[in-house]
Amino acid sequence: MNSSDMVKAICKEQHISIAELARRLGQTPQNFNKKLKRGTLSYDEMLQVADIMKIEYEQSFIFDNGKRLVIGSKYAVVTERE
């Protein structure tokens, strides 16, 4: 699942249209749809989507030793495997 698919799924779950989300992001629906089709949403835009939808967003890398580099809410943390 790519970021565009995630945004579409979030909108469906939250009962909000893509056009309404675009307006809340301060973008035109046309511009936002182009970004979704190209898959060019930035990390900051994904954080904005999370803020608007009142959900959390994180990205993470998992190392061979089990440590995780979690990036979300504008910070990064390395954690031990749970």
PDB file of N, CA and C in Angstrom:
ATOM      1  N   MET A   1       0.863  -1.176   0.000  1.00  0.00           N
ATOM      2  CA  MET A   1       0.000   0.000   0.000  1.00  0.00           C
ATOM      3  C   MET A   1       0.906   1.234   0.000  1.00  0.00           C
ATOM      4  N   ASN A   2       0.700   2.109  -0.952  1.00  0.00           N
ATOM      5  CA  ASN A   2       1.496   3.337  -0.997  1.00  0.00           C
ATOM      6  C   ASN A   2       0.772   4.466  -0.257  1.00  0.00           C
ATOM      7  N   SER A   3       1.423   5.622  -0.174  1.00  0.00           N
ATOM      8  CA  SER A   3       0.853   6.734   0.598  1.00  0.00           C
ATOM      9  C   SER A   3      -0.491   7.195   0.027  1.00  0.00           C
ATOM     10  N   SER A   4      -0.636   7.169  -1.282  1.00  0.00           N
ATOM     11  CA  SER A   4      -1.909   7.574  -1.897  1.00  0.00           C
ATOM     12  C   SER A   4      -3.034   6.634  -1.500  1.00  0.00           C
ATOM     13  N   ASP A   5      -2.746   5.327  -1.521  1.00  0.00           N
ATOM     14  CA  ASP A   5      -3.752   4.343  -1.102  1.00  0.00           C
ATOM     15  C   ASP A   5      -4.117   4.533   0.365  1.00  0.00           C
ATOM     16  N   MET A   6      -3.101   4.858   1.184  1.00  0.00           N
ATOM     17  CA  MET A   6      -3.355   5.077   2.603  1.00  0.00           C
ATOM     18  C   MET A   6      -4.287   6.273   2.807  1.00  0.00           C
ATOM     19  N   VAL A   7      -4.028   7.362   2.107  1.00  0.00           N
ATOM     20  CA  VAL A   7      -4.855   8.562   2.243  1.00  0.00           C
ATOM     21  C   VAL A   7      -6.288   8.266   1.809  1.00  0.00           C
ATOM     22  N   LYS A   8      -6.449   7.546   0.715  1.00  0.00           N
ATOM     23  CA  LYS A   8      -7.798   7.193   0.246  1.00  0.00           C
ATOM     24  C   LYS A   8      -8.520   6.319   1.274  1.00  0.00           C
ATOM     25  N   ALA A   9      -7.801   5.374   1.879  1.00  0.00           N
ATOM     26  CA  ALA A   9      -8.397   4.499   2.892  1.00  0.00           C
ATOM     27  C   ALA A   9      -8.781   5.286   4.141  1.00  0.00           C
ATOM     28  N   ILE A  10      -7.939   6.232   4.528  1.00  0.00           N
ATOM     29  CA  ILE A  10      -8.234   7.081   5.692  1.00  0.00           C
ATOM     30  C   ILE A  10      -9.498   7.897   5.419  1.00  0.00           C
ATOM     31  N   CYS A  11      -9.579   8.477   4.242  1.00  0.00           N
ATOM     32  CA  CYS A  11     -10.759   9.276   3.886  1.00  0.00           C
ATOM     33  C   CYS A  11     -12.018   8.425   3.942  1.00  0.00           C
ATOM     34  N   LYS A  12     -11.934   7.215   3.417  1.00  0.00           N
ATOM     35  CA  LYS A  12     -13.093   6.324   3.444  1.00  0.00           C
ATOM     36  C   LYS A  12     -13.473   6.001   4.891  1.00  0.00           C
ATOM     37  N   GLU A  13     -12.490   5.691   5.706  1.00  0.00           N
ATOM     38  CA  GLU A  13     -12.737   5.341   7.112  1.00  0.00           C
ATOM     39  C   GLU A  13     -13.333   6.517   7.891  1.00  0.00           C
ATOM     40  N   GLN A  14     -12.847   7.728   7.593  1.00  0.00           N
ATOM     41  CA  GLN A  14     -13.279   8.926   8.318  1.00  0.00           C
ATOM     42  C   GLN A  14     -14.492   9.602   7.663  1.00  0.00           C
ATOM     43  N   HIS A  15     -14.987   9.037   6.562  1.00  0.00           N
ATOM     44  CA  HIS A  15     -16.159   9.576   5.855  1.00  0.00           C
ATOM     45  C   HIS A  15     -15.942  11.031   5.428  1.00  0.00           C
ATOM     46  N   ILE A  16     -14.804  11.260   4.778  1.00  0.00           N
ATOM     47  CA  ILE A  16     -14.482  12.589   4.247  1.00  0.00           C
ATOM     48  C   ILE A  16     -14.025  12.407   2.800  1.00  0.00           C
ATOM     49  N   SER A  17     -14.419  13.311   1.943  1.00  0.00           N
ATOM     50  CA  SER A  17     -14.020  13.193   0.543  1.00  0.00           C
ATOM     51  C   SER A  17     -12.573  13.662   0.368  1.00  0.00           C
ATOM     52  N   ILE A  18     -11.966  13.194  -0.710  1.00  0.00           N
ATOM     53  CA  ILE A  18     -10.611  13.633  -1.051  1.00  0.00           C
ATOM     54  C   ILE A  18     -10.615  15.143  -1.283  1.00  0.00           C
ATOM     55  N   ALA A  19     -11.665  15.650  -1.920  1.00  0.00           N
ATOM     56  CA  ALA A  19     -11.767  17.088  -2.195  1.00  0.00           C
ATOM     57  C   ALA A  19     -11.818  17.890  -0.888  1.00  0.00           C
ATOM     58  N   GLU A  20     -12.573  17.412   0.092  1.00  0.00           N
ATOM     59  CA  GLU A  20     -12.656  18.112   1.375  1.00  0.00           C
ATOM     60  C   GLU A  20     -11.320  18.072   2.103  1.00  0.00           C
ATOM     61  N   LEU A  21     -10.645  16.938   2.057  1.00  0.00           N
ATOM     62  CA  LEU A  21      -9.319  16.851   2.674  1.00  0.00           C
ATOM     63  C   LEU A  21      -8.366  17.844   2.011  1.00  0.00           C
ATOM     64  N   ALA A  22      -8.414  17.925   0.691  1.00  0.00           N
ATOM     65  CA  ALA A  22      -7.561  18.868  -0.039  1.00  0.00           C
ATOM     66  C   ALA A  22      -7.806  20.296   0.434  1.00  0.00           C
ATOM     67  N   ARG A  23      -9.074  20.658   0.562  1.00  0.00           N
ATOM     68  CA  ARG A  23      -9.403  22.019   1.019  1.00  0.00           C
ATOM     69  C   ARG A  23      -8.870  22.267   2.428  1.00  0.00           C
ATOM     70  N   ARG A  24      -8.996  21.279   3.301  1.00  0.00           N
ATOM     71  CA  ARG A  24      -8.483  21.429   4.677  1.00  0.00           C
ATOM     72  C   ARG A  24      -6.961  21.526   4.704  1.00  0.00           C
ATOM     73  N   LEU A  25      -6.318  20.955   3.695  1.00  0.00           N
ATOM     74  CA  LEU A  25      -4.864  21.055   3.576  1.00  0.00           C
ATOM     75  C   LEU A  25      -4.431  22.376   2.945  1.00  0.00           C
ATOM     76  N   GLY A  26      -5.409  23.151   2.470  1.00  0.00           N
ATOM     77  CA  GLY A  26      -5.094  24.422   1.816  1.00  0.00           C
ATOM     78  C   GLY A  26      -4.678  24.244   0.367  1.00  0.00           C
ATOM     79  N   GLN A  27      -5.110  23.141  -0.247  1.00  0.00           N
ATOM     80  CA  GLN A  27      -4.783  22.860  -1.644  1.00  0.00           C
ATOM     81  C   GLN A  27      -6.085  22.746  -2.444  1.00  0.00           C
ATOM     82  N   THR A  28      -5.961  22.923  -3.733  1.00  0.00           N
ATOM     83  CA  THR A  28      -7.136  22.694  -4.569  1.00  0.00           C
ATOM     84  C   THR A  28      -7.330  21.191  -4.720  1.00  0.00           C
ATOM     85  N   PRO A  29      -8.567  20.748  -4.854  1.00  0.00           N
ATOM     86  CA  PRO A  29      -8.799  19.323  -5.080  1.00  0.00           C
ATOM     87  C   PRO A  29      -8.056  18.801  -6.316  1.00  0.00           C
ATOM     88  N   GLN A  30      -7.973  19.624  -7.367  1.00  0.00           N
ATOM     89  CA  GLN A  30      -7.290  19.204  -8.587  1.00  0.00           C
ATOM     90  C   GLN A  30      -5.807  18.951  -8.323  1.00  0.00           C
ATOM     91  N   ASN A  31      -5.155  19.869  -7.619  1.00  0.00           N
ATOM     92  CA  ASN A  31      -3.735  19.727  -7.327  1.00  0.00           C
ATOM     93  C   ASN A  31      -3.494  18.514  -6.436  1.00  0.00           C
ATOM     94  N   PHE A  32      -4.332  18.340  -5.413  1.00  0.00           N
ATOM     95  CA  PHE A  32      -4.164  17.233  -4.488  1.00  0.00           C
ATOM     96  C   PHE A  32      -4.381  15.894  -5.196  1.00  0.00           C
ATOM     97  N   ASN A  33      -5.372  15.821  -6.081  1.00  0.00           N
ATOM     98  CA  ASN A  33      -5.607  14.597  -6.845  1.00  0.00           C
ATOM     99  C   ASN A  33      -4.416  14.255  -7.739  1.00  0.00           C
ATOM    100  N   LYS A  34      -3.781  15.272  -8.314  1.00  0.00           N
ATOM    101  CA  LYS A  34      -2.592  15.033  -9.133  1.00  0.00           C
ATOM    102  C   LYS A  34      -1.476  14.440  -8.280  1.00  0.00           C
ATOM    103  N   LYS A  35      -1.308  14.967  -7.078  1.00  0.00           N
ATOM    104  CA  LYS A  35      -0.283  14.427  -6.173  1.00  0.00           C
ATOM    105  C   LYS A  35      -0.591  12.980  -5.807  1.00  0.00           C
ATOM    106  N   LEU A  36      -1.857  12.676  -5.566  1.00  0.00           N
ATOM    107  CA  LEU A  36      -2.235  11.305  -5.243  1.00  0.00           C
ATOM    108  C   LEU A  36      -1.946  10.370  -6.425  1.00  0.00           C
ATOM    109  N   LYS A  37      -2.280  10.812  -7.629  1.00  0.00           N
ATOM    110  CA  LYS A  37      -2.053   9.981  -8.811  1.00  0.00           C
ATOM    111  C   LYS A  37      -0.569   9.755  -9.067  1.00  0.00           C
ATOM    112  N   ARG A  38       0.252  10.782  -8.821  1.00  0.00           N
ATOM    113  CA  ARG A  38       1.699  10.657  -9.022  1.00  0.00           C
ATOM    114  C   ARG A  38       2.383   9.982  -7.833  1.00  0.00           C
ATOM    115  N   GLY A  39       1.697   9.935  -6.690  1.00  0.00           N
ATOM    116  CA  GLY A  39       2.313   9.374  -5.487  1.00  0.00           C
ATOM    117  C   GLY A  39       3.394  10.271  -4.928  1.00  0.00           C
ATOM    118  N   THR A  40       3.161  11.582  -4.989  1.00  0.00           N
ATOM    119  CA  THR A  40       4.199  12.531  -4.576  1.00  0.00           C
ATOM    120  C   THR A  40       3.841  13.308  -3.306  1.00  0.00           C
ATOM    121  N   LEU A  41       3.082  12.700  -2.418  1.00  0.00           N
ATOM    122  CA  LEU A  41       2.784  13.368  -1.149  1.00  0.00           C
ATOM    123  C   LEU A  41       4.048  13.384  -0.302  1.00  0.00           C
ATOM    124  N   SER A  42       4.357  14.526   0.267  1.00  0.00           N
ATOM    125  CA  SER A  42       5.555  14.641   1.098  1.00  0.00           C
ATOM    126  C   SER A  42       5.286  14.128   2.512  1.00  0.00           C
ATOM    127  N   TYR A  43       6.363  13.918   3.240  1.00  0.00           N
ATOM    128  CA  TYR A  43       6.247  13.503   4.641  1.00  0.00           C
ATOM    129  C   TYR A  43       5.454  14.548   5.426  1.00  0.00           C
ATOM    130  N   ASP A  44       5.759  15.827   5.204  1.00  0.00           N
ATOM    131  CA  ASP A  44       5.037  16.894   5.910  1.00  0.00           C
ATOM    132  C   ASP A  44       3.546  16.888   5.573  1.00  0.00           C
ATOM    133  N   GLU A  45       3.209  16.608   4.324  1.00  0.00           N
ATOM    134  CA  GLU A  45       1.797  16.520   3.952  1.00  0.00           C
ATOM    135  C   GLU A  45       1.115  15.338   4.644  1.00  0.00           C
ATOM    136  N   MET A  46       1.833  14.234   4.766  1.00  0.00           N
ATOM    137  CA  MET A  46       1.266  13.086   5.477  1.00  0.00           C
ATOM    138  C   MET A  46       1.028  13.433   6.946  1.00  0.00           C
ATOM    139  N   LEU A  47       1.935  14.190   7.553  1.00  0.00           N
ATOM    140  CA  LEU A  47       1.726  14.640   8.932  1.00  0.00           C
ATOM    141  C   LEU A  47       0.526  15.566   9.024  1.00  0.00           C
ATOM    142  N   GLN A  48       0.346  16.435   8.032  1.00  0.00           N
ATOM    143  CA  GLN A  48      -0.810  17.328   8.011  1.00  0.00           C
ATOM    144  C   GLN A  48      -2.108  16.536   7.880  1.00  0.00           C
ATOM    145  N   VAL A  49      -2.096  15.511   7.040  1.00  0.00           N
ATOM    146  CA  VAL A  49      -3.275  14.650   6.897  1.00  0.00           C
ATOM    147  C   VAL A  49      -3.606  14.024   8.243  1.00  0.00           C
ATOM    148  N   ALA A  50      -2.600  13.517   8.923  1.00  0.00           N
ATOM    149  CA  ALA A  50      -2.813  12.898  10.239  1.00  0.00           C
ATOM    150  C   ALA A  50      -3.396  13.902  11.228  1.00  0.00           C
ATOM    151  N   ASP A  51      -2.858  15.123  11.234  1.00  0.00           N
ATOM    152  CA  ASP A  51      -3.385  16.162  12.129  1.00  0.00           C
ATOM    153  C   ASP A  51      -4.852  16.451  11.829  1.00  0.00           C
ATOM    154  N   ILE A  52      -5.171  16.620  10.569  1.00  0.00           N
ATOM    155  CA  ILE A  52      -6.546  16.927  10.161  1.00  0.00           C
ATOM    156  C   ILE A  52      -7.491  15.800  10.550  1.00  0.00           C
ATOM    157  N   MET A  53      -7.036  14.571  10.362  1.00  0.00           N
ATOM    158  CA  MET A  53      -7.879  13.411  10.647  1.00  0.00           C
ATOM    159  C   MET A  53      -7.849  12.989  12.123  1.00  0.00           C
ATOM    160  N   LYS A  54      -7.009  13.687  12.906  1.00  0.00           N
ATOM    161  CA  LYS A  54      -6.862  13.388  14.335  1.00  0.00           C
ATOM    162  C   LYS A  54      -6.419  11.935  14.564  1.00  0.00           C
ATOM    163  N   ILE A  55      -5.414  11.536  13.770  1.00  0.00           N
ATOM    164  CA  ILE A  55      -4.807  10.225  13.903  1.00  0.00           C
ATOM    165  C   ILE A  55      -3.285  10.404  13.937  1.00  0.00           C
ATOM    166  N   GLU A  56      -2.555   9.349  14.233  1.00  0.00           N
ATOM    167  CA  GLU A  56      -1.101   9.413  14.255  1.00  0.00           C
ATOM    168  C   GLU A  56      -0.533   8.865  12.957  1.00  0.00           C
ATOM    169  N   TYR A  57       0.640   9.358  12.597  1.00  0.00           N
ATOM    170  CA  TYR A  57       1.355   8.877  11.421  1.00  0.00           C
ATOM    171  C   TYR A  57       2.802   8.682  11.806  1.00  0.00           C
ATOM    172  N   GLU A  58       3.379   7.555  11.395  1.00  0.00           N
ATOM    173  CA  GLU A  58       4.797   7.327  11.632  1.00  0.00           C
ATOM    174  C   GLU A  58       5.380   6.525  10.485  1.00  0.00           C
ATOM    175  N   GLN A  59       6.684   6.694  10.298  1.00  0.00           N
ATOM    176  CA  GLN A  59       7.447   5.875   9.372  1.00  0.00           C
ATOM    177  C   GLN A  59       8.507   5.188  10.214  1.00  0.00           C
ATOM    178  N   SER A  60       8.933   4.006   9.809  1.00  0.00           N
ATOM    179  CA  SER A  60       9.985   3.358  10.596  1.00  0.00           C
ATOM    180  C   SER A  60      10.869   2.478   9.721  1.00  0.00           C
ATOM    181  N   PHE A  61      12.096   2.340  10.195  1.00  0.00           N
ATOM    182  CA  PHE A  61      13.054   1.405   9.633  1.00  0.00           C
ATOM    183  C   PHE A  61      13.353   0.404  10.730  1.00  0.00           C
ATOM    184  N   ILE A  62      13.465  -0.872  10.377  1.00  0.00           N
ATOM    185  CA  ILE A  62      13.759  -1.909  11.352  1.00  0.00           C
ATOM    186  C   ILE A  62      15.105  -2.529  10.982  1.00  0.00           C
ATOM    187  N   PHE A  63      16.057  -2.438  11.907  1.00  0.00           N
ATOM    188  CA  PHE A  63      17.402  -2.953  11.693  1.00  0.00           C
ATOM    189  C   PHE A  63      17.454  -4.457  11.962  1.00  0.00           C
ATOM    190  N   ASP A  64      18.511  -5.110  11.465  1.00  0.00           N
ATOM    191  CA  ASP A  64      18.694  -6.547  11.674  1.00  0.00           C
ATOM    192  C   ASP A  64      18.720  -6.923  13.143  1.00  0.00           C
ATOM    193  N   ASN A  65      19.236  -6.020  13.995  1.00  0.00           N
ATOM    194  CA  ASN A  65      19.327  -6.319  15.427  1.00  0.00           C
ATOM    195  C   ASN A  65      18.014  -6.057  16.170  1.00  0.00           C
ATOM    196  N   GLY A  66      16.968  -5.686  15.434  1.00  0.00           N
ATOM    197  CA  GLY A  66      15.668  -5.473  16.050  1.00  0.00           C
ATOM    198  C   GLY A  66      15.379  -4.042  16.453  1.00  0.00           C
ATOM    199  N   LYS A  67      16.401  -3.182  16.418  1.00  0.00           N
ATOM    200  CA  LYS A  67      16.139  -1.775  16.750  1.00  0.00           C
ATOM    201  C   LYS A  67      15.305  -1.158  15.645  1.00  0.00           C
ATOM    202  N   ARG A  68      14.475  -0.203  16.039  1.00  0.00           N
ATOM    203  CA  ARG A  68      13.607   0.484  15.095  1.00  0.00           C
ATOM    204  C   ARG A  68      13.899   1.970  15.126  1.00  0.00           C
ATOM    205  N   LEU A  69      13.995   2.586  13.978  1.00  0.00           N
ATOM    206  CA  LEU A  69      14.074   4.036  13.864  1.00  0.00           C
ATOM    207  C   LEU A  69      12.690   4.480  13.453  1.00  0.00           C
ATOM    208  N   VAL A  70      11.969   5.077  14.393  1.00  0.00           N
ATOM    209  CA  VAL A  70      10.588   5.492  14.171  1.00  0.00           C
ATOM    210  C   VAL A  70      10.561   6.996  13.966  1.00  0.00           C
ATOM    211  N   ILE A  71       9.979   7.423  12.865  1.00  0.00           N
ATOM    212  CA  ILE A  71       9.869   8.836  12.539  1.00  0.00           C
ATOM    213  C   ILE A  71       8.386   9.175  12.493  1.00  0.00           C
ATOM    214  N   GLY A  72       7.971  10.054  13.373  1.00  0.00           N
ATOM    215  CA  GLY A  72       6.572  10.447  13.404  1.00  0.00           C
ATOM    216  C   GLY A  72       6.392  11.644  14.307  1.00  0.00           C
ATOM    217  N   SER A  73       5.332  12.368  14.094  1.00  0.00           N
ATOM    218  CA  SER A  73       5.062  13.571  14.886  1.00  0.00           C
ATOM    219  C   SER A  73       6.273  14.489  14.946  1.00  0.00           C
ATOM    220  N   LYS A  74       7.029  14.534  13.839  1.00  0.00           N
ATOM    221  CA  LYS A  74       8.164  15.438  13.672  1.00  0.00           C
ATOM    222  C   LYS A  74       9.336  15.130  14.600  1.00  0.00           C
ATOM    223  N   TYR A  75       9.495  13.888  15.032  1.00  0.00           N
ATOM    224  CA  TYR A  75      10.667  13.490  15.803  1.00  0.00           C
ATOM    225  C   TYR A  75      11.088  12.093  15.378  1.00  0.00           C
ATOM    226  N   ALA A  76      12.312  11.732  15.729  1.00  0.00           N
ATOM    227  CA  ALA A  76      12.809  10.390  15.411  1.00  0.00           C
ATOM    228  C   ALA A  76      13.330   9.746  16.682  1.00  0.00           C
ATOM    229  N   VAL A  77      13.049   8.458  16.865  1.00  0.00           N
ATOM    230  CA  VAL A  77      13.447   7.732  18.050  1.00  0.00           C
ATOM    231  C   VAL A  77      13.941   6.357  17.639  1.00  0.00           C
ATOM    232  N   VAL A  78      15.077   5.937  18.209  1.00  0.00           N
ATOM    233  CA  VAL A  78      15.534   4.572  18.014  1.00  0.00           C
ATOM    234  C   VAL A  78      15.108   3.783  19.234  1.00  0.00           C
ATOM    235  N   THR A  79      14.379   2.693  19.024  1.00  0.00           N
ATOM    236  CA  THR A  79      13.898   1.884  20.132  1.00  0.00           C
ATOM    237  C   THR A  79      14.411   0.461  20.005  1.00  0.00           C
ATOM    238  N   GLU A  80      14.488  -0.232  21.148  1.00  0.00           N
ATOM    239  CA  GLU A  80      14.849  -1.639  21.178  1.00  0.00           C
ATOM    240  C   GLU A  80      13.654  -2.460  20.738  1.00  0.00           C
ATOM    241  N   ARG A  81      13.921  -3.656  20.264  1.00  0.00           N
ATOM    242  CA  ARG A  81      12.821  -4.565  19.890  1.00  0.00           C
ATOM    243  C   ARG A  81      11.994  -4.898  21.111  1.00  0.00           C
ATOM    244  N   GLU A  82      10.705  -4.896  20.936  1.00  0.00           N
ATOM    245  CA  GLU A  82       9.798  -5.206  22.066  1.00  0.00           C
ATOM    246  C   GLU A  82       9.521  -6.674  22.130  1.00  0.00           C
TER     247      GLU A  82
END
